[in-house]
Amino acid sequence: MTTLDPDKSVELDLANDGVPAKGAQGETLTAERLDEINSFERPNAVPPRLIRAPLKDEKLHFTLPARSVTVVQVPK
């Protein structure tokens, strides 16, 4: 998932649709600047950060930071 707004985070609820899961987790890549990159000089400029989405009312709730790309897995 990606956020289109470079300045604001996004709250997102995804319907579970009967998949047996207690939540989801994954990794988010984000940085202070939109054009930030990892390099040999700064290998952790854009570090992966753990993200968790609890299951509530049959929906997975995510808070995605601004300027981010997120990958999640829903374990069975």
Protein backbone atom coordinates (compact mmCIF):
# COMPACT_ATOMS: atom_id res chain seq x y z
CA MET A 1 0.00 0.00 0.00
CA THR A 2 1.19 3.55 -0.58
CA THR A 3 0.19 6.95 0.72
CA LEU A 4 -0.45 9.55 -1.96
CA ASP A 5 -0.19 12.56 0.36
CA PRO A 6 3.43 13.47 1.15
CA ASP A 7 2.42 15.39 4.29
CA LYS A 8 -0.35 13.42 6.01
CA SER A 9 -0.69 9.91 7.36
CA VAL A 10 -3.65 7.77 6.31
CA GLU A 11 -6.05 5.76 8.47
CA LEU A 12 -7.27 2.69 6.61
CA ASP A 13 -9.71 -0.10 7.46
CA LEU A 14 -9.77 -3.25 5.33
CA ALA A 15 -12.65 -5.71 5.55
CA ASN A 16 -11.59 -9.15 6.71
CA ASP A 17 -14.26 -10.98 4.64
CA GLY A 18 -14.18 -14.10 6.78
CA VAL A 19 -10.46 -14.85 6.53
CA PRO A 20 -9.48 -16.46 9.85
CA ALA A 21 -6.94 -13.96 11.20
CA LYS A 22 -6.28 -12.09 14.42
CA GLY A 23 -4.45 -9.25 12.69
CA ALA A 24 -1.76 -8.45 10.17
CA GLN A 25 1.83 -7.31 10.24
CA GLY A 26 4.40 -6.13 7.76
CA GLU A 27 6.98 -3.48 6.99
CA THR A 28 6.81 0.17 6.02
CA LEU A 29 9.44 2.22 4.22
CA THR A 30 9.32 5.97 4.86
CA ALA A 31 11.69 8.89 5.39
CA GLU A 32 11.66 12.59 6.18
CA ARG A 33 12.26 13.48 2.52
CA LEU A 34 10.42 11.99 -0.42
CA ASP A 35 13.65 11.62 -2.40
CA GLU A 36 15.65 9.94 0.40
CA ILE A 37 17.56 6.77 -0.55
CA ASN A 38 19.78 4.23 1.13
CA SER A 39 23.40 4.44 0.02
CA PHE A 40 26.78 3.07 1.04
CA GLU A 41 27.35 6.27 3.05
CA ARG A 42 23.87 6.13 4.65
CA PRO A 43 22.67 2.52 4.52
CA ASN A 44 19.83 3.11 7.02
CA ALA A 45 18.41 6.36 5.66
CA VAL A 46 15.18 4.51 4.82
CA PRO A 47 14.97 1.63 7.29
CA PRO A 48 12.10 -0.88 7.27
CA ARG A 49 9.74 -0.35 10.19
CA LEU A 50 7.40 -2.93 11.64
CA ILE A 51 3.70 -2.21 11.22
CA ARG A 52 0.85 -4.10 12.89
CA ALA A 53 -2.85 -3.99 12.13
CA PRO A 54 -5.19 -5.32 14.79
CA LEU A 55 -8.46 -6.99 13.84
CA LYS A 56 -11.40 -5.00 15.22
CA ASP A 57 -15.04 -5.41 14.21
CA GLU A 58 -14.00 -7.75 11.34
CA LYS A 59 -11.68 -5.06 9.89
CA LEU A 60 -7.91 -4.66 9.85
CA HIS A 61 -6.97 -1.14 10.94
CA PHE A 62 -3.80 0.46 9.52
CA THR A 63 -2.16 3.80 10.14
CA LEU A 64 0.11 4.48 7.17
CA PRO A 65 2.69 7.25 7.52
CA ALA A 66 3.06 10.00 4.93
CA ARG A 67 5.54 9.24 2.14
CA SER A 68 5.38 5.50 2.69
CA VAL A 69 5.20 2.13 0.96
CA THR A 70 3.85 -0.71 3.08
CA VAL A 71 3.71 -4.48 2.59
CA VAL A 72 1.60 -6.59 4.96
CA GLN A 73 0.91 -10.26 5.50
CA VAL A 74 -2.25 -11.68 7.01
CA PRO A 75 -1.35 -14.98 8.68
CA LYS A 76 -4.00 -17.72 8.63
